[in-house]
Amino acid sequence: METKLVKGGIYGFIVGLMLGILWCPDQITTHGMGGTTTTVLLPMREYVFKVLRIACLCSLGTVVSVYGREWYVRSQQGGQGGNRTAPSFWSGFMKSFLFVLGVLLIAALIAALFR
């Protein structure tokens, strides 16, 4: 179980970095009166900390969900070892989650291309 938690944390951190870079803006644009706009670039340090915060939150969420899944699978097996197949609920949940995540990422990439 420990290796699954570590792998989940690492993969969650990597995915969080990708999502943070994709969705975290590096500039702030304000619209003033009379149609004026002001764009301020964030300092690199502030931007990096925003991206790292998103990555750490994704990593923590992944570790918690992996732990919950393992706890559920072990409770269904009565605490015994043996065959560790996930119940159909969790496999369906993960498939649908990954599908929706993929659709959102593709939509975000398309929206970023046509900005």
N, C-alpha and C. Protein backbone atom coordinates (compact mmCIF):
# COMPACT_ATOMS: atom_id res chain seq x y z
N MET A 1 0.83 -1.19 0.00
CA MET A 1 0.00 0.00 0.00
C MET A 1 0.87 1.25 0.00
N GLU A 2 2.02 1.18 0.65
CA GLU A 2 2.89 2.35 0.73
C GLU A 2 3.39 2.78 -0.65
N THR A 3 3.72 1.80 -1.49
CA THR A 3 4.21 2.16 -2.82
C THR A 3 3.11 2.82 -3.65
N LYS A 4 1.87 2.37 -3.46
CA LYS A 4 0.76 3.00 -4.20
C LYS A 4 0.56 4.43 -3.74
N LEU A 5 0.71 4.68 -2.44
CA LEU A 5 0.58 6.06 -1.94
C LEU A 5 1.68 6.96 -2.47
N VAL A 6 2.91 6.44 -2.49
CA VAL A 6 4.04 7.24 -2.98
C VAL A 6 3.88 7.52 -4.47
N LYS A 7 3.54 6.49 -5.24
CA LYS A 7 3.33 6.69 -6.68
C LYS A 7 2.19 7.67 -6.93
N GLY A 8 1.09 7.53 -6.19
CA GLY A 8 -0.03 8.45 -6.35
C GLY A 8 0.36 9.88 -6.03
N GLY A 9 1.17 10.06 -4.98
CA GLY A 9 1.62 11.40 -4.62
C GLY A 9 2.51 12.01 -5.68
N ILE A 10 3.42 11.21 -6.22
CA ILE A 10 4.33 11.72 -7.26
C ILE A 10 3.56 12.05 -8.53
N TYR A 11 2.71 11.13 -8.97
CA TYR A 11 1.94 11.38 -10.18
C TYR A 11 0.97 12.54 -10.00
N GLY A 12 0.38 12.64 -8.82
CA GLY A 12 -0.51 13.77 -8.54
C GLY A 12 0.23 15.09 -8.58
N PHE A 13 1.47 15.10 -8.09
CA PHE A 13 2.28 16.32 -8.13
C PHE A 13 2.61 16.71 -9.56
N ILE A 14 2.97 15.73 -10.38
CA ILE A 14 3.31 16.02 -11.78
C ILE A 14 2.08 16.54 -12.54
N VAL A 15 0.94 15.89 -12.34
CA VAL A 15 -0.29 16.35 -13.00
C VAL A 15 -0.68 17.73 -12.48
N GLY A 16 -0.49 17.96 -11.18
CA GLY A 16 -0.77 19.28 -10.61
C GLY A 16 0.11 20.37 -11.19
N LEU A 17 1.38 20.05 -11.43
CA LEU A 17 2.26 21.04 -12.09
C LEU A 17 1.75 21.37 -13.48
N MET A 18 1.36 20.35 -14.22
CA MET A 18 0.85 20.59 -15.57
C MET A 18 -0.42 21.43 -15.54
N LEU A 19 -1.33 21.10 -14.64
CA LEU A 19 -2.57 21.87 -14.55
C LEU A 19 -2.30 23.30 -14.07
N GLY A 20 -1.37 23.46 -13.14
CA GLY A 20 -1.04 24.79 -12.65
C GLY A 20 -0.45 25.67 -13.73
N ILE A 21 0.44 25.10 -14.54
CA ILE A 21 1.03 25.87 -15.64
C ILE A 21 -0.03 26.20 -16.67
N LEU A 22 -0.97 25.27 -16.89
CA LEU A 22 -2.00 25.48 -17.90
C LEU A 22 -3.01 26.54 -17.47
N TRP A 23 -3.46 26.50 -16.21
CA TRP A 23 -4.56 27.36 -15.78
C TRP A 23 -4.18 28.56 -14.96
N CYS A 24 -2.99 28.62 -14.44
CA CYS A 24 -2.60 29.74 -13.58
C CYS A 24 -2.03 30.87 -14.45
N PRO A 25 -2.69 32.02 -14.48
CA PRO A 25 -2.20 33.09 -15.36
C PRO A 25 -0.95 33.75 -14.76
N ASP A 26 -0.06 34.19 -15.64
CA ASP A 26 1.15 34.87 -15.18
C ASP A 26 1.03 36.39 -15.29
N GLN A 27 -0.16 36.85 -15.62
CA GLN A 27 -0.40 38.29 -15.70
C GLN A 27 -1.82 38.60 -15.21
N ILE A 28 -1.99 39.80 -14.73
CA ILE A 28 -3.28 40.26 -14.24
C ILE A 28 -3.71 41.43 -15.12
N THR A 29 -4.89 41.32 -15.71
CA THR A 29 -5.41 42.38 -16.57
C THR A 29 -6.63 43.00 -15.90
N THR A 30 -6.60 44.32 -15.75
CA THR A 30 -7.73 45.03 -15.18
C THR A 30 -8.28 45.98 -16.24
N HIS A 31 -9.59 46.09 -16.27
CA HIS A 31 -10.25 46.97 -17.21
C HIS A 31 -10.74 48.19 -16.45
N GLY A 32 -10.30 49.37 -16.89
CA GLY A 32 -10.69 50.59 -16.23
C GLY A 32 -11.80 51.31 -16.99
N MET A 33 -12.12 52.48 -16.51
CA MET A 33 -13.15 53.29 -17.16
C MET A 33 -12.62 53.86 -18.47
N GLY A 34 -13.49 54.04 -19.39
CA GLY A 34 -13.10 54.63 -20.67
C GLY A 34 -12.43 53.64 -21.60
N GLY A 35 -12.52 52.36 -21.29
CA GLY A 35 -11.96 51.35 -22.18
C GLY A 35 -10.48 51.11 -22.01
N THR A 36 -9.88 51.61 -20.95
CA THR A 36 -8.45 51.38 -20.74
C THR A 36 -8.24 50.04 -20.06
N THR A 37 -7.17 49.40 -20.42
CA THR A 37 -6.79 48.14 -19.78
C THR A 37 -5.37 48.25 -19.26
N THR A 38 -5.14 47.64 -18.14
CA THR A 38 -3.81 47.63 -17.54
C THR A 38 -3.41 46.18 -17.31
N THR A 39 -2.24 45.80 -17.79
CA THR A 39 -1.74 44.45 -17.62
C THR A 39 -0.49 44.50 -16.75
N VAL A 40 -0.51 43.70 -15.69
CA VAL A 40 0.62 43.64 -14.77
C VAL A 40 1.14 42.21 -14.76
N LEU A 41 2.43 42.02 -15.04
CA LEU A 41 3.02 40.69 -14.98
C LEU A 41 3.36 40.36 -13.53
N LEU A 42 3.03 39.14 -13.12
CA LEU A 42 3.36 38.70 -11.78
C LEU A 42 4.86 38.44 -11.69
N PRO A 43 5.45 38.71 -10.53
CA PRO A 43 6.86 38.32 -10.36
C PRO A 43 7.00 36.80 -10.47
N MET A 44 8.14 36.35 -10.94
CA MET A 44 8.36 34.93 -11.17
C MET A 44 8.17 34.12 -9.87
N ARG A 45 8.62 34.67 -8.76
CA ARG A 45 8.51 33.97 -7.48
C ARG A 45 7.04 33.72 -7.12
N GLU A 46 6.21 34.73 -7.29
CA GLU A 46 4.79 34.59 -6.96
C GLU A 46 4.11 33.58 -7.88
N TYR A 47 4.45 33.61 -9.16
CA TYR A 47 3.87 32.67 -10.11
C TYR A 47 4.28 31.23 -9.78
N VAL A 48 5.55 31.03 -9.47
CA VAL A 48 6.04 29.68 -9.14
C VAL A 48 5.34 29.16 -7.89
N PHE A 49 5.14 30.02 -6.89
CA PHE A 49 4.47 29.58 -5.68
C PHE A 49 3.00 29.23 -5.94
N LYS A 50 2.34 29.96 -6.83
CA LYS A 50 0.96 29.62 -7.19
C LYS A 50 0.89 28.25 -7.84
N VAL A 51 1.81 27.99 -8.77
CA VAL A 51 1.84 26.71 -9.48
C VAL A 51 2.16 25.58 -8.50
N LEU A 52 3.12 25.80 -7.62
CA LEU A 52 3.48 24.77 -6.64
C LEU A 52 2.34 24.49 -5.66
N ARG A 53 1.57 25.51 -5.31
CA ARG A 53 0.43 25.31 -4.42
C ARG A 53 -0.60 24.40 -5.07
N ILE A 54 -0.88 24.63 -6.35
CA ILE A 54 -1.82 23.78 -7.07
C ILE A 54 -1.29 22.35 -7.16
N ALA A 55 0.01 22.20 -7.42
CA ALA A 55 0.61 20.87 -7.52
C ALA A 55 0.54 20.13 -6.19
N CYS A 56 0.80 20.83 -5.09
CA CYS A 56 0.74 20.19 -3.77
C CYS A 56 -0.68 19.79 -3.41
N LEU A 57 -1.65 20.61 -3.75
CA LEU A 57 -3.04 20.26 -3.48
C LEU A 57 -3.47 19.03 -4.29
N CYS A 58 -3.06 18.96 -5.55
CA CYS A 58 -3.39 17.79 -6.37
C CYS A 58 -2.72 16.54 -5.81
N SER A 59 -1.48 16.67 -5.37
CA SER A 59 -0.77 15.54 -4.79
C SER A 59 -1.45 15.05 -3.52
N LEU A 60 -1.83 15.97 -2.66
CA LEU A 60 -2.51 15.61 -1.42
C LEU A 60 -3.86 14.94 -1.71
N GLY A 61 -4.61 15.50 -2.65
CA GLY A 61 -5.89 14.90 -3.02
C GLY A 61 -5.73 13.50 -3.59
N THR A 62 -4.67 13.28 -4.37
CA THR A 62 -4.42 11.96 -4.93
C THR A 62 -4.07 10.96 -3.84
N VAL A 63 -3.23 11.36 -2.89
CA VAL A 63 -2.86 10.46 -1.80
C VAL A 63 -4.09 10.10 -0.97
N VAL A 64 -4.94 11.07 -0.68
CA VAL A 64 -6.14 10.79 0.11
C VAL A 64 -7.08 9.85 -0.65
N SER A 65 -7.24 10.06 -1.95
CA SER A 65 -8.14 9.19 -2.71
C SER A 65 -7.57 7.78 -2.85
N VAL A 66 -6.25 7.64 -3.01
CA VAL A 66 -5.64 6.31 -3.07
C VAL A 66 -5.80 5.60 -1.73
N TYR A 67 -5.59 6.32 -0.64
CA TYR A 67 -5.77 5.72 0.68
C TYR A 67 -7.22 5.28 0.89
N GLY A 68 -8.17 6.12 0.49
CA GLY A 68 -9.58 5.76 0.62
C GLY A 68 -9.93 4.54 -0.21
N ARG A 69 -9.39 4.47 -1.39
CA ARG A 69 -9.65 3.30 -2.25
C ARG A 69 -9.07 2.04 -1.62
N GLU A 70 -7.85 2.11 -1.15
CA GLU A 70 -7.22 0.94 -0.53
C GLU A 70 -7.98 0.52 0.73
N TRP A 71 -8.42 1.48 1.50
CA TRP A 71 -9.18 1.17 2.71
C TRP A 71 -10.49 0.48 2.34
N TYR A 72 -11.16 0.98 1.30
CA TYR A 72 -12.41 0.39 0.87
C TYR A 72 -12.21 -1.04 0.35
N VAL A 73 -11.17 -1.25 -0.45
CA VAL A 73 -10.91 -2.57 -1.01
C VAL A 73 -10.57 -3.55 0.12
N ARG A 74 -9.77 -3.12 1.07
CA ARG A 74 -9.42 -4.00 2.19
C ARG A 74 -10.63 -4.30 3.07
N SER A 75 -11.51 -3.33 3.25
CA SER A 75 -12.70 -3.59 4.07
C SER A 75 -13.66 -4.55 3.36
N GLN A 76 -13.70 -4.52 2.05
CA GLN A 76 -14.55 -5.45 1.30
C GLN A 76 -14.00 -6.87 1.33
N GLN A 77 -12.68 -6.99 1.48
CA GLN A 77 -12.05 -8.30 1.52
C GLN A 77 -11.95 -8.83 2.95
N GLY A 78 -12.42 -8.09 3.91
CA GLY A 78 -12.35 -8.53 5.29
C GLY A 78 -10.97 -8.44 5.88
N GLY A 79 -10.15 -7.53 5.36
CA GLY A 79 -8.80 -7.36 5.87
C GLY A 79 -7.82 -8.41 5.38
N GLN A 80 -8.25 -9.29 4.50
CA GLN A 80 -7.39 -10.36 4.01
C GLN A 80 -6.63 -9.88 2.78
N GLY A 81 -5.54 -10.56 2.49
CA GLY A 81 -4.79 -10.28 1.27
C GLY A 81 -5.50 -10.94 0.11
N GLY A 82 -4.73 -11.39 -0.85
CA GLY A 82 -5.33 -12.13 -1.96
C GLY A 82 -5.60 -11.24 -3.15
N ASN A 83 -6.65 -11.55 -3.86
CA ASN A 83 -6.99 -10.83 -5.09
C ASN A 83 -7.38 -9.40 -4.75
N ARG A 84 -6.70 -8.45 -5.35
CA ARG A 84 -6.95 -7.04 -5.04
C ARG A 84 -7.61 -6.33 -6.19
N THR A 85 -8.66 -6.87 -6.70
CA THR A 85 -9.38 -6.19 -7.77
C THR A 85 -10.33 -5.18 -7.15
N ALA A 86 -10.42 -4.04 -7.76
CA ALA A 86 -11.28 -2.99 -7.25
C ALA A 86 -12.73 -3.31 -7.59
N PRO A 87 -13.65 -2.92 -6.71
CA PRO A 87 -15.07 -3.09 -7.03
C PRO A 87 -15.45 -2.27 -8.26
N SER A 88 -16.52 -2.65 -8.88
CA SER A 88 -16.92 -2.00 -10.13
C SER A 88 -17.22 -0.51 -9.93
N PHE A 89 -17.66 -0.11 -8.73
CA PHE A 89 -17.94 1.30 -8.48
C PHE A 89 -16.67 2.14 -8.64
N TRP A 90 -15.58 1.72 -8.02
CA TRP A 90 -14.36 2.51 -8.07
C TRP A 90 -13.73 2.51 -9.46
N SER A 91 -13.78 1.38 -10.13
CA SER A 91 -13.21 1.36 -11.48
C SER A 91 -14.03 2.25 -12.41
N GLY A 92 -15.36 2.21 -12.30
CA GLY A 92 -16.19 3.10 -13.10
C GLY A 92 -15.99 4.56 -12.75
N PHE A 93 -15.82 4.85 -11.46
CA PHE A 93 -15.57 6.21 -11.00
C PHE A 93 -14.26 6.74 -11.58
N MET A 94 -13.22 5.94 -11.52
CA MET A 94 -11.92 6.39 -12.03
C MET A 94 -11.95 6.56 -13.55
N LYS A 95 -12.62 5.66 -14.25
CA LYS A 95 -12.71 5.79 -15.71
C LYS A 95 -13.45 7.08 -16.08
N SER A 96 -14.56 7.34 -15.42
CA SER A 96 -15.31 8.55 -15.74
C SER A 96 -14.53 9.80 -15.34
N PHE A 97 -13.82 9.76 -14.21
CA PHE A 97 -13.02 10.91 -13.79
C PHE A 97 -11.93 11.21 -14.81
N LEU A 98 -11.22 10.18 -15.26
CA LEU A 98 -10.15 10.40 -16.24
C LEU A 98 -10.71 10.86 -17.58
N PHE A 99 -11.87 10.37 -17.97
CA PHE A 99 -12.49 10.80 -19.22
C PHE A 99 -12.85 12.29 -19.15
N VAL A 100 -13.49 12.70 -18.08
CA VAL A 100 -13.89 14.10 -17.93
C VAL A 100 -12.65 15.00 -17.82
N LEU A 101 -11.62 14.54 -17.10
CA LEU A 101 -10.38 15.31 -17.01
C LEU A 101 -9.76 15.50 -18.39
N GLY A 102 -9.75 14.44 -19.19
CA GLY A 102 -9.22 14.55 -20.54
C GLY A 102 -10.01 15.52 -21.40
N VAL A 103 -11.33 15.47 -21.30
CA VAL A 103 -12.17 16.40 -22.06
C VAL A 103 -11.91 17.84 -21.63
N LEU A 104 -11.79 18.07 -20.32
CA LEU A 104 -11.52 19.43 -19.84
C LEU A 104 -10.16 19.92 -20.30
N LEU A 105 -9.15 19.06 -20.27
CA LEU A 105 -7.82 19.48 -20.73
C LEU A 105 -7.81 19.80 -22.21
N ILE A 106 -8.50 19.00 -22.99
CA ILE A 106 -8.57 19.27 -24.44
C ILE A 106 -9.32 20.58 -24.69
N ALA A 107 -10.40 20.81 -23.96
CA ALA A 107 -11.15 22.06 -24.12
C ALA A 107 -10.30 23.26 -23.71
N ALA A 108 -9.53 23.11 -22.63
CA ALA A 108 -8.68 24.21 -22.19
C ALA A 108 -7.57 24.50 -23.20
N LEU A 109 -7.01 23.46 -23.79
CA LEU A 109 -5.98 23.66 -24.81
C LEU A 109 -6.55 24.34 -26.05
N ILE A 110 -7.74 23.93 -26.47
CA ILE A 110 -8.36 24.55 -27.64
C ILE A 110 -8.69 26.02 -27.34
N ALA A 111 -9.20 26.28 -26.12
CA ALA A 111 -9.51 27.67 -25.76
C ALA A 111 -8.24 28.52 -25.70
N ALA A 112 -7.14 27.94 -25.24
CA ALA A 112 -5.88 28.69 -25.17
C ALA A 112 -5.33 28.97 -26.56
N LEU A 113 -5.58 28.09 -27.50
CA LEU A 113 -5.09 28.31 -28.85
C LEU A 113 -5.82 29.44 -29.57
N PHE A 114 -7.11 29.62 -29.26
CA PHE A 114 -7.91 30.62 -29.95
C PHE A 114 -8.11 31.87 -29.13
N ARG A 115 -7.28 32.15 -28.19
CA ARG A 115 -7.37 33.37 -27.40
C ARG A 115 -6.98 34.58 -28.16
